[in-house]
């Protein structure tokens, strides 16, 4: 059974205002997401499922379908505030969906095979997709999932601080915990994060999560159970978010399974700040000059 690529794109509309304004970074106007799909196809993925907002569906399909037709099977899932909430009364002040793990849960009926999850606006690199494909076709099962672990030093921004999920990994490459560290930056040859008014050092070779996960489809039932617990505990907080690391953390702590941390030496890049955009274009141009990508992905 060939794995599916699930792309979290529901938040793009709010960031960009309109799907038509998705920024092109490649020489032929390619978005960062185009490069992820291209890498997934050449790694062996045969289907892509986009998680989007229903009100942007027509614009989104008009952009993506002409490019991808005949290259990979496409499906769409809509993340809606009321999806999978059951008889829970959603507070009237709650205006946006419940976060990345809720977005994954919304794909329950569309994905029946092992799958990878990525963000739409992060560049992950070819190596990451090849390693994810290998894991999803050879190792994944209902008790073993994975996360692609990036070297922290390769995920920083020159234009400000970043937040990263710093992974603690055991001797067998299994995830022990993910700690969300905010305000990470390089200073005087060291990587530092701030918490309150204190500064702490983080090792250069720390593995961090960039939200690239590999799951067996059994994760949906588990996620639904945890989501209902989340709604009971935090559903009345209008800003509470149900993130994917919550699922990973619960799975490990409840002894339901393991999450393998698969290291990649690929350099991640993305647009955390608008000032990052020229650097993203320069990084893509360098990869194209090296021959890693054609000048027009979908020609």
C-alpha atoms as a PDB file:
ATOM      1  CA  UNK A   1       0.000   0.000   0.000  1.00  0.00           C
ATOM      2  CA  UNK A   2       1.613   3.253  -1.122  1.00  0.00           C
ATOM      3  CA  UNK A   3       1.703   6.087   1.423  1.00  0.00           C
ATOM      4  CA  UNK A   4      -0.175   9.375   1.129  1.00  0.00           C
ATOM      5  CA  UNK A   5       1.114  12.902   1.706  1.00  0.00           C
ATOM      6  CA  UNK A   6      -1.191  15.031   3.888  1.00  0.00           C
ATOM      7  CA  UNK A   7      -0.516  18.776   3.593  1.00  0.00           C
ATOM      8  CA  UNK A   8      -1.721  21.183   6.262  1.00  0.00           C
ATOM      9  CA  UNK A   9      -2.854  24.198   4.245  1.00  0.00           C
ATOM     10  CA  UNK A  10      -5.980  25.375   6.106  1.00  0.00           C
ATOM     11  CA  UNK A  11      -4.097  28.215   7.776  1.00  0.00           C
ATOM     12  CA  UNK A  12      -2.700  29.639   4.548  1.00  0.00           C
ATOM     13  CA  UNK A  13      -5.796  31.642   3.719  1.00  0.00           C
ATOM     14  CA  UNK A  14      -5.642  33.637   6.921  1.00  0.00           C
ATOM     15  CA  UNK A  15      -1.921  34.346   6.479  1.00  0.00           C
ATOM     16  CA  UNK A  16      -2.031  35.288   2.809  1.00  0.00           C
ATOM     17  CA  UNK A  17      -5.536  36.794   2.570  1.00  0.00           C
ATOM     18  CA  UNK A  18      -6.357  34.881  -0.609  1.00  0.00           C
ATOM     19  CA  UNK A  19      -5.107  31.659  -2.156  1.00  0.00           C
ATOM     20  CA  UNK A  20      -4.250  33.666  -5.273  1.00  0.00           C
ATOM     21  CA  UNK A  21      -1.687  35.544  -3.264  1.00  0.00           C
ATOM     22  CA  UNK A  22       0.371  32.478  -2.330  1.00  0.00           C
ATOM     23  CA  UNK A  23       3.907  33.641  -2.851  1.00  0.00           C
ATOM     24  CA  UNK A  24       5.936  32.099  -5.639  1.00  0.00           C
ATOM     25  CA  UNK A  25       9.582  31.446  -4.790  1.00  0.00           C
ATOM     26  CA  UNK A  26      10.747  29.270  -7.683  1.00  0.00           C
ATOM     27  CA  UNK A  27      11.857  30.636 -11.091  1.00  0.00           C
ATOM     28  CA  UNK A  28       8.526  29.620 -12.656  1.00  0.00           C
ATOM     29  CA  UNK A  29       6.420  30.896  -9.746  1.00  0.00           C
ATOM     30  CA  UNK A  30       6.515  27.676  -7.727  1.00  0.00           C
ATOM     31  CA  UNK A  31       5.371  27.828  -4.118  1.00  0.00           C
ATOM     32  CA  UNK A  32       7.274  26.060  -1.344  1.00  0.00           C
ATOM     33  CA  UNK A  33       4.457  23.489  -1.334  1.00  0.00           C
ATOM     34  CA  UNK A  34       5.166  22.671  -4.998  1.00  0.00           C
ATOM     35  CA  UNK A  35       8.686  21.573  -4.089  1.00  0.00           C
ATOM     36  CA  UNK A  36       7.368  19.329  -1.300  1.00  0.00           C
ATOM     37  CA  UNK A  37       4.926  17.633  -3.677  1.00  0.00           C
ATOM     38  CA  UNK A  38       7.647  17.237  -6.321  1.00  0.00           C
ATOM     39  CA  UNK A  39       9.975  15.630  -3.746  1.00  0.00           C
ATOM     40  CA  UNK A  40       7.156  13.372  -2.509  1.00  0.00           C
ATOM     41  CA  UNK A  41       6.350  12.162  -6.033  1.00  0.00           C
ATOM     42  CA  UNK A  42       9.942  11.250  -6.803  1.00  0.00           C
ATOM     43  CA  UNK A  43      10.263   9.505  -3.422  1.00  0.00           C
ATOM     44  CA  UNK A  44       7.275   7.273  -4.336  1.00  0.00           C
ATOM     45  CA  UNK A  45       4.167   8.889  -2.835  1.00  0.00           C
ATOM     46  CA  UNK A  46       1.170   8.377  -5.135  1.00  0.00           C
ATOM     47  CA  UNK A  47      -1.511  10.541  -3.502  1.00  0.00           C
ATOM     48  CA  UNK A  48      -1.681  13.990  -1.942  1.00  0.00           C
ATOM     49  CA  UNK A  49      -4.487  15.182   0.334  1.00  0.00           C
ATOM     50  CA  UNK A  50      -4.780  18.899   1.002  1.00  0.00           C
ATOM     51  CA  UNK A  51      -6.376  20.101   4.217  1.00  0.00           C
ATOM     52  CA  UNK A  52      -7.869  23.497   3.373  1.00  0.00           C
ATOM     53  CA  UNK A  53     -10.670  25.850   4.310  1.00  0.00           C
ATOM     54  CA  UNK A  54     -13.844  25.270   2.312  1.00  0.00           C
ATOM     55  CA  UNK A  55     -14.259  28.949   1.444  1.00  0.00           C
ATOM     56  CA  UNK A  56     -10.918  28.925  -0.388  1.00  0.00           C
ATOM     57  CA  UNK A  57     -11.445  25.578  -2.124  1.00  0.00           C
ATOM     58  CA  UNK A  58     -12.269  26.908  -5.598  1.00  0.00           C
ATOM     59  CA  UNK A  59      -9.260  29.234  -5.709  1.00  0.00           C
ATOM     60  CA  UNK A  60      -6.991  26.530  -4.316  1.00  0.00           C
ATOM     61  CA  UNK A  61      -8.114  23.900  -6.832  1.00  0.00           C
ATOM     62  CA  UNK A  62      -7.721  26.369  -9.714  1.00  0.00           C
ATOM     63  CA  UNK A  63      -4.082  26.876  -8.731  1.00  0.00           C
ATOM     64  CA  UNK A  64      -3.079  23.282  -7.910  1.00  0.00           C
ATOM     65  CA  UNK A  65      -5.019  21.006 -10.253  1.00  0.00           C
ATOM     66  CA  UNK A  66      -3.608  22.182 -13.621  1.00  0.00           C
ATOM     67  CA  UNK A  67      -0.079  21.628 -12.275  1.00  0.00           C
ATOM     68  CA  UNK A  68      -0.625  18.223 -10.700  1.00  0.00           C
ATOM     69  CA  UNK A  69      -3.122  16.554 -13.030  1.00  0.00           C
ATOM     70  CA  UNK A  70      -1.775  13.209 -14.205  1.00  0.00           C
ATOM     71  CA  UNK A  71       1.228  13.375 -11.854  1.00  0.00           C
ATOM     72  CA  UNK A  72      -0.331  12.342  -8.538  1.00  0.00           C
ATOM     73  CA  UNK A  73      -3.819  11.496  -7.207  1.00  0.00           C
ATOM     74  CA  UNK A  74      -5.382  14.504  -5.430  1.00  0.00           C
ATOM     75  CA  UNK A  75      -8.012  14.759  -2.715  1.00  0.00           C
ATOM     76  CA  UNK A  76      -9.258  17.565  -0.467  1.00  0.00           C
ATOM     77  CA  UNK A  77     -10.364  17.703   3.140  1.00  0.00           C
ATOM     78  CA  UNK A  78     -11.992  20.715   4.766  1.00  0.00           C
ATOM     79  CA  UNK A  79     -11.063  21.673   8.299  1.00  0.00           C
ATOM     80  CA  UNK A  80     -14.160  23.038   9.959  1.00  0.00           C
ATOM     81  CA  UNK A  81     -14.595  24.324  13.490  1.00  0.00           C
ATOM     82  CA  UNK A  82     -17.429  21.845  14.160  1.00  0.00           C
ATOM     83  CA  UNK A  83     -15.760  18.728  12.693  1.00  0.00           C
ATOM     84  CA  UNK A  84     -15.563  15.822  15.174  1.00  0.00           C
ATOM     85  CA  UNK A  85     -16.863  17.938  18.075  1.00  0.00           C
ATOM     86  CA  UNK A  86     -19.823  15.602  18.657  1.00  0.00           C
ATOM     87  CA  UNK A  87     -22.281  17.043  21.175  1.00  0.00           C
ATOM     88  CA  UNK A  88     -19.745  19.546  22.529  1.00  0.00           C
ATOM     89  CA  UNK A  89     -21.186  23.075  22.418  1.00  0.00           C
ATOM     90  CA  UNK A  90     -18.551  25.155  20.608  1.00  0.00           C
ATOM     91  CA  UNK A  91     -18.262  28.566  22.365  1.00  0.00           C
ATOM     92  CA  UNK A  92     -19.601  31.437  20.251  1.00  0.00           C
ATOM     93  CA  UNK A  93     -16.331  33.367  20.681  1.00  0.00           C
ATOM     94  CA  UNK A  94     -14.374  30.509  19.087  1.00  0.00           C
ATOM     95  CA  UNK A  95     -13.779  31.555  15.474  1.00  0.00           C
ATOM     96  CA  UNK A  96     -10.966  29.356  14.148  1.00  0.00           C
ATOM     97  CA  UNK A  97     -10.488  25.551  14.049  1.00  0.00           C
ATOM     98  CA  UNK A  98      -8.671  23.674  16.765  1.00  0.00           C
ATOM     99  CA  UNK A  99      -5.099  23.332  15.474  1.00  0.00           C
ATOM    100  CA  UNK A 100      -2.875  20.916  13.565  1.00  0.00           C
ATOM    101  CA  UNK A 101      -3.948  17.657  15.251  1.00  0.00           C
ATOM    102  CA  UNK A 102      -7.590  18.571  14.599  1.00  0.00           C
ATOM    103  CA  UNK A 103      -6.653  19.205  10.956  1.00  0.00           C
ATOM    104  CA  UNK A 104      -5.179  15.696  10.737  1.00  0.00           C
ATOM    105  CA  UNK A 105      -8.314  14.227  12.327  1.00  0.00           C
ATOM    106  CA  UNK A 106     -10.409  15.901   9.618  1.00  0.00           C
ATOM    107  CA  UNK A 107      -8.685  13.588   7.091  1.00  0.00           C
ATOM    108  CA  UNK A 108      -9.965  10.442   8.820  1.00  0.00           C
ATOM    109  CA  UNK A 109     -12.375   9.453   6.029  1.00  0.00           C
ATOM    110  CA  UNK A 110      -9.997  10.343   3.179  1.00  0.00           C
ATOM    111  CA  UNK A 111      -6.867   8.473   4.305  1.00  0.00           C
ATOM    112  CA  UNK A 112      -6.892   4.716   4.917  1.00  0.00           C
ATOM    113  CA  UNK A 113      -3.173   4.043   4.340  1.00  0.00           C
ATOM    114  CA  UNK A 114       0.093   5.062   6.054  1.00  0.00           C
ATOM    115  CA  UNK A 115       0.700   8.767   5.583  1.00  0.00           C
ATOM    116  CA  UNK A 116       3.091  11.647   6.125  1.00  0.00           C
ATOM    117  CA  UNK A 117       2.005  15.046   7.450  1.00  0.00           C
ATOM    118  CA  UNK A 118       3.752  18.308   6.528  1.00  0.00           C
ATOM    119  CA  UNK A 119       3.146  22.052   6.704  1.00  0.00           C
ATOM    120  CA  UNK A 120       2.321  23.761   3.412  1.00  0.00           C
ATOM    121  CA  UNK A 121       4.828  26.573   3.833  1.00  0.00           C
ATOM    122  CA  UNK A 122       7.981  24.764   4.995  1.00  0.00           C
ATOM    123  CA  UNK A 123      10.704  23.461   2.670  1.00  0.00           C
ATOM    124  CA  UNK A 124      11.828  20.060   3.933  1.00  0.00           C
ATOM    125  CA  UNK A 125      14.294  18.770   1.313  1.00  0.00           C
ATOM    126  CA  UNK A 126      14.431  15.634  -0.806  1.00  0.00           C
ATOM    127  CA  UNK A 127      16.214  13.521   1.823  1.00  0.00           C
ATOM    128  CA  UNK A 128      13.343  13.961   4.289  1.00  0.00           C
ATOM    129  CA  UNK A 129      10.723  12.642   1.842  1.00  0.00           C
ATOM    130  CA  UNK A 130      12.870   9.662   0.851  1.00  0.00           C
ATOM    131  CA  UNK A 131      13.389   8.703   4.494  1.00  0.00           C
ATOM    132  CA  UNK A 132       9.699   9.164   5.289  1.00  0.00           C
ATOM    133  CA  UNK A 133       8.706   7.008   2.305  1.00  0.00           C
ATOM    134  CA  UNK A 134      11.086   4.225   3.392  1.00  0.00           C
ATOM    135  CA  UNK A 135       9.684   4.270   6.922  1.00  0.00           C
ATOM    136  CA  UNK A 136       6.045   4.329   5.760  1.00  0.00           C
ATOM    137  CA  UNK A 137       6.532   1.383   3.402  1.00  0.00           C
ATOM    138  CA  UNK A 138       8.744  -0.786   5.637  1.00  0.00           C
ATOM    139  CA  UNK A 139       8.424   0.018   9.329  1.00  0.00           C
ATOM    140  CA  UNK A 140       5.262   1.873  10.284  1.00  0.00           C
ATOM    141  CA  UNK A 141       2.582   0.047  12.275  1.00  0.00           C
ATOM    142  CA  UNK A 142      -0.096   0.895  14.835  1.00  0.00           C
ATOM    143  CA  UNK A 143       2.546   1.029  17.592  1.00  0.00           C
ATOM    144  CA  UNK A 144       5.355   2.772  15.692  1.00  0.00           C
ATOM    145  CA  UNK A 145       5.132   6.213  14.103  1.00  0.00           C
ATOM    146  CA  UNK A 146       7.924   8.611  13.136  1.00  0.00           C
ATOM    147  CA  UNK A 147       9.037  12.201  13.082  1.00  0.00           C
ATOM    148  CA  UNK A 148      11.727  13.651  10.824  1.00  0.00           C
ATOM    149  CA  UNK A 149      14.327  15.281  13.076  1.00  0.00           C
ATOM    150  CA  UNK A 150      16.156  18.340  11.780  1.00  0.00           C
ATOM    151  CA  UNK A 151      19.434  19.663  13.166  1.00  0.00           C
ATOM    152  CA  UNK A 152      18.473  22.734  15.171  1.00  0.00           C
ATOM    153  CA  UNK A 153      21.304  24.819  13.709  1.00  0.00           C
ATOM    154  CA  UNK A 154      19.858  24.287  10.217  1.00  0.00           C
ATOM    155  CA  UNK A 155      16.429  25.666  11.126  1.00  0.00           C
ATOM    156  CA  UNK A 156      17.286  29.135  12.455  1.00  0.00           C
ATOM    157  CA  UNK A 157      16.365  32.493  10.899  1.00  0.00           C
ATOM    158  CA  UNK A 158      18.820  35.341  10.383  1.00  0.00           C
ATOM    159  CA  UNK A 159      15.934  37.773  10.822  1.00  0.00           C
ATOM    160  CA  UNK A 160      14.689  37.032  14.319  1.00  0.00           C
ATOM    161  CA  UNK A 161      13.961  34.355  16.889  1.00  0.00           C
ATOM    162  CA  UNK A 162      12.121  31.101  16.103  1.00  0.00           C
ATOM    163  CA  UNK A 163      10.067  28.585  18.072  1.00  0.00           C
ATOM    164  CA  UNK A 164      10.988  24.920  17.725  1.00  0.00           C
ATOM    165  CA  UNK A 165       9.933  21.613  19.236  1.00  0.00           C
ATOM    166  CA  UNK A 166      13.229  20.365  20.681  1.00  0.00           C
ATOM    167  CA  UNK A 167      13.264  16.552  20.797  1.00  0.00           C
ATOM    168  CA  UNK A 168      14.696  14.422  23.544  1.00  0.00           C
ATOM    169  CA  UNK A 169      15.729  11.090  21.994  1.00  0.00           C
ATOM    170  CA  UNK A 170      16.714   7.801  23.673  1.00  0.00           C
ATOM    171  CA  UNK A 171      19.509   5.396  22.699  1.00  0.00           C
ATOM    172  CA  UNK A 172      17.173   3.572  20.275  1.00  0.00           C
ATOM    173  CA  UNK A 173      16.272   6.778  18.368  1.00  0.00           C
ATOM    174  CA  UNK A 174      12.816   6.859  19.938  1.00  0.00           C
ATOM    175  CA  UNK A 175      11.253  10.132  21.010  1.00  0.00           C
ATOM    176  CA  UNK A 176      11.157  10.655  24.783  1.00  0.00           C
ATOM    177  CA  UNK A 177       9.597  14.124  24.753  1.00  0.00           C
ATOM    178  CA  UNK A 178       9.153  17.293  22.706  1.00  0.00           C
ATOM    179  CA  UNK A 179       9.658  20.606  24.502  1.00  0.00           C
ATOM    180  CA  UNK A 180       8.405  23.704  22.719  1.00  0.00           C
ATOM    181  CA  UNK A 181      11.175  26.301  23.022  1.00  0.00           C
ATOM    182  CA  UNK A 182      10.390  29.860  22.031  1.00  0.00           C
ATOM    183  CA  UNK A 183      12.729  32.720  21.167  1.00  0.00           C
ATOM    184  CA  UNK A 184      15.583  30.538  19.874  1.00  0.00           C
ATOM    185  CA  UNK A 185      18.507  32.324  18.227  1.00  0.00           C
ATOM    186  CA  UNK A 186      22.269  32.146  17.706  1.00  0.00           C
ATOM    187  CA  UNK A 187      24.434  34.379  19.883  1.00  0.00           C
ATOM    188  CA  UNK A 188      28.227  34.396  20.232  1.00  0.00           C
ATOM    189  CA  UNK A 189      28.587  30.990  18.589  1.00  0.00           C
ATOM    190  CA  UNK A 190      25.954  29.364  20.811  1.00  0.00           C
ATOM    191  CA  UNK A 191      22.265  28.564  20.320  1.00  0.00           C
ATOM    192  CA  UNK A 192      20.161  30.144  23.025  1.00  0.00           C
ATOM    193  CA  UNK A 193      16.494  30.183  23.986  1.00  0.00           C
ATOM    194  CA  UNK A 194      14.728  32.503  26.379  1.00  0.00           C
ATOM    195  CA  UNK A 195      12.137  31.597  28.956  1.00  0.00           C
ATOM    196  CA  UNK A 196      10.860  34.497  31.017  1.00  0.00           C
ATOM    197  CA  UNK A 197      13.883  36.657  31.713  1.00  0.00           C
ATOM    198  CA  UNK A 198      16.356  33.748  31.676  1.00  0.00           C
ATOM    199  CA  UNK A 199      18.550  32.410  28.865  1.00  0.00           C
ATOM    200  CA  UNK A 200      19.421  28.746  28.314  1.00  0.00           C
ATOM    201  CA  UNK A 201      21.834  27.079  25.898  1.00  0.00           C
ATOM    202  CA  UNK A 202      20.663  24.366  23.485  1.00  0.00           C
ATOM    203  CA  UNK A 203      23.201  21.948  21.934  1.00  0.00           C
ATOM    204  CA  UNK A 204      23.968  22.663  18.262  1.00  0.00           C
ATOM    205  CA  UNK A 205      23.115  19.107  17.190  1.00  0.00           C
ATOM    206  CA  UNK A 206      19.729  18.988  18.965  1.00  0.00           C
ATOM    207  CA  UNK A 207      17.024  17.407  16.847  1.00  0.00           C
ATOM    208  CA  UNK A 208      13.909  19.510  16.340  1.00  0.00           C
ATOM    209  CA  UNK A 209      10.465  18.858  14.904  1.00  0.00           C
ATOM    210  CA  UNK A 210       9.386  20.878  11.871  1.00  0.00           C
ATOM    211  CA  UNK A 211       5.976  19.138  11.873  1.00  0.00           C
ATOM    212  CA  UNK A 212       6.969  16.348   9.447  1.00  0.00           C
ATOM    213  CA  UNK A 213       5.351  13.198  10.870  1.00  0.00           C
ATOM    214  CA  UNK A 214       4.745   9.656   9.645  1.00  0.00           C
ATOM    215  CA  UNK A 215       1.652   7.782  10.850  1.00  0.00           C
ATOM    216  CA  UNK A 216      -0.285   4.564  10.462  1.00  0.00           C
ATOM    217  CA  UNK A 217      -3.992   5.186   9.820  1.00  0.00           C
ATOM    218  CA  UNK A 218      -4.728   3.806  13.311  1.00  0.00           C
ATOM    219  CA  UNK A 219      -3.697   7.247  14.602  1.00  0.00           C
ATOM    220  CA  UNK A 220      -7.112   8.655  13.628  1.00  0.00           C
ATOM    221  CA  UNK A 221      -9.081   6.695  16.235  1.00  0.00           C
ATOM    222  CA  UNK A 222      -6.540   7.586  18.913  1.00  0.00           C
ATOM    223  CA  UNK A 223      -6.567  11.270  17.892  1.00  0.00           C
ATOM    224  CA  UNK A 224     -10.365  11.395  18.037  1.00  0.00           C
ATOM    225  CA  UNK A 225     -10.312  10.013  21.580  1.00  0.00           C
ATOM    226  CA  UNK A 226      -7.677  12.535  22.696  1.00  0.00           C
ATOM    227  CA  UNK A 227      -9.542  15.374  20.945  1.00  0.00           C
ATOM    228  CA  UNK A 228     -12.687  14.697  22.955  1.00  0.00           C
ATOM    229  CA  UNK A 229     -10.583  14.756  26.145  1.00  0.00           C
ATOM    230  CA  UNK A 230      -9.048  18.048  24.973  1.00  0.00           C
ATOM    231  CA  UNK A 231     -12.504  19.572  24.402  1.00  0.00           C
ATOM    232  CA  UNK A 232     -13.614  18.612  27.911  1.00  0.00           C
ATOM    233  CA  UNK A 233     -10.490  20.096  29.487  1.00  0.00           C
ATOM    234  CA  UNK A 234      -9.799  23.131  27.288  1.00  0.00           C
ATOM    235  CA  UNK A 235     -12.696  23.537  24.851  1.00  0.00           C
ATOM    236  CA  UNK A 236     -14.041  26.652  26.552  1.00  0.00           C
ATOM    237  CA  UNK A 237     -10.714  28.481  26.126  1.00  0.00           C
ATOM    238  CA  UNK A 238     -11.128  30.350  22.801  1.00  0.00           C
ATOM    239  CA  UNK A 239      -7.367  30.267  22.165  1.00  0.00           C
ATOM    240  CA  UNK A 240      -6.678  26.619  23.082  1.00  0.00           C
ATOM    241  CA  UNK A 241      -5.024  24.639  20.261  1.00  0.00           C
ATOM    242  CA  UNK A 242      -4.875  20.906  19.686  1.00  0.00           C
ATOM    243  CA  UNK A 243      -1.397  20.393  18.208  1.00  0.00           C
ATOM    244  CA  UNK A 244       0.109  17.205  16.721  1.00  0.00           C
ATOM    245  CA  UNK A 245       2.837  16.997  19.428  1.00  0.00           C
ATOM    246  CA  UNK A 246       0.033  16.550  21.994  1.00  0.00           C
ATOM    247  CA  UNK A 247      -0.816  13.255  20.252  1.00  0.00           C
ATOM    248  CA  UNK A 248       2.827  12.149  20.190  1.00  0.00           C
ATOM    249  CA  UNK A 249       3.349  13.064  23.827  1.00  0.00           C
ATOM    250  CA  UNK A 250       0.201  11.221  25.002  1.00  0.00           C
ATOM    251  CA  UNK A 251       1.029   8.141  22.911  1.00  0.00           C
ATOM    252  CA  UNK A 252       4.448   7.828  24.547  1.00  0.00           C
ATOM    253  CA  UNK A 253       3.318   8.635  28.095  1.00  0.00           C
ATOM    254  CA  UNK A 254       0.391   6.199  27.938  1.00  0.00           C
ATOM    255  CA  UNK A 255       2.688   3.440  26.619  1.00  0.00           C
ATOM    256  CA  UNK A 256       0.586   3.025  23.463  1.00  0.00           C
ATOM    257  CA  UNK A 257       3.585   3.073  21.119  1.00  0.00           C
ATOM    258  CA  UNK A 258       6.828   4.692  20.057  1.00  0.00           C
ATOM    259  CA  UNK A 259       7.783   7.528  17.745  1.00  0.00           C
ATOM    260  CA  UNK A 260      11.031   6.997  15.907  1.00  0.00           C
ATOM    261  CA  UNK A 261      13.117  10.128  15.301  1.00  0.00           C
ATOM    262  CA  UNK A 262      14.621   9.832  11.818  1.00  0.00           C
ATOM    263  CA  UNK A 263      17.484  12.296  11.393  1.00  0.00           C
ATOM    264  CA  UNK A 264      17.944  14.281   8.202  1.00  0.00           C
ATOM    265  CA  UNK A 265      20.834  16.526   7.261  1.00  0.00           C
ATOM    266  CA  UNK A 266      18.567  18.479   4.884  1.00  0.00           C
ATOM    267  CA  UNK A 267      18.446  22.212   5.451  1.00  0.00           C
ATOM    268  CA  UNK A 268      14.950  23.341   6.316  1.00  0.00           C
ATOM    269  CA  UNK A 269      13.813  26.770   5.247  1.00  0.00           C
ATOM    270  CA  UNK A 270      10.593  28.717   5.423  1.00  0.00           C
ATOM    271  CA  UNK A 271       9.186  32.180   5.744  1.00  0.00           C
ATOM    272  CA  UNK A 272       8.926  32.912   9.451  1.00  0.00           C
ATOM    273  CA  UNK A 273       9.498  36.602   8.721  1.00  0.00           C
ATOM    274  CA  UNK A 274       8.794  38.441   5.478  1.00  0.00           C
ATOM    275  CA  UNK A 275      12.521  39.299   5.429  1.00  0.00           C
ATOM    276  CA  UNK A 276      13.215  35.550   5.043  1.00  0.00           C
ATOM    277  CA  UNK A 277      11.735  35.545   1.506  1.00  0.00           C
ATOM    278  CA  UNK A 278      14.923  36.591  -0.384  1.00  0.00           C
ATOM    279  CA  UNK A 279      16.892  33.928   1.487  1.00  0.00           C
ATOM    280  CA  UNK A 280      14.346  31.275   0.515  1.00  0.00           C
ATOM    281  CA  UNK A 281      14.627  32.298  -3.140  1.00  0.00           C
ATOM    282  CA  UNK A 282      18.430  32.252  -2.952  1.00  0.00           C
ATOM    283  CA  UNK A 283      18.395  28.779  -1.336  1.00  0.00           C
ATOM    284  CA  UNK A 284      16.079  27.429  -4.049  1.00  0.00           C
ATOM    285  CA  UNK A 285      18.171  29.000  -6.811  1.00  0.00           C
ATOM    286  CA  UNK A 286      21.289  27.337  -5.374  1.00  0.00           C
ATOM    287  CA  UNK A 287      19.556  23.926  -5.389  1.00  0.00           C
ATOM    288  CA  UNK A 288      18.387  24.485  -8.976  1.00  0.00           C
ATOM    289  CA  UNK A 289      21.907  25.461 -10.082  1.00  0.00           C
ATOM    290  CA  UNK A 290      23.193  22.276  -8.422  1.00  0.00           C
ATOM    291  CA  UNK A 291      20.728  20.284 -10.530  1.00  0.00           C
ATOM    292  CA  UNK A 292      18.552  19.130  -7.617  1.00  0.00           C
ATOM    293  CA  UNK A 293      15.421  20.672  -9.204  1.00  0.00           C
ATOM    294  CA  UNK A 294      14.468  21.752 -12.742  1.00  0.00           C
ATOM    295  CA  UNK A 295      13.785  25.425 -13.469  1.00  0.00           C
ATOM    296  CA  UNK A 296      10.144  24.534 -14.079  1.00  0.00           C
ATOM    297  CA  UNK A 297       8.850  21.760 -11.794  1.00  0.00           C
ATOM    298  CA  UNK A 298       5.690  20.898 -13.705  1.00  0.00           C
ATOM    299  CA  UNK A 299       6.656  21.455 -17.334  1.00  0.00           C
END
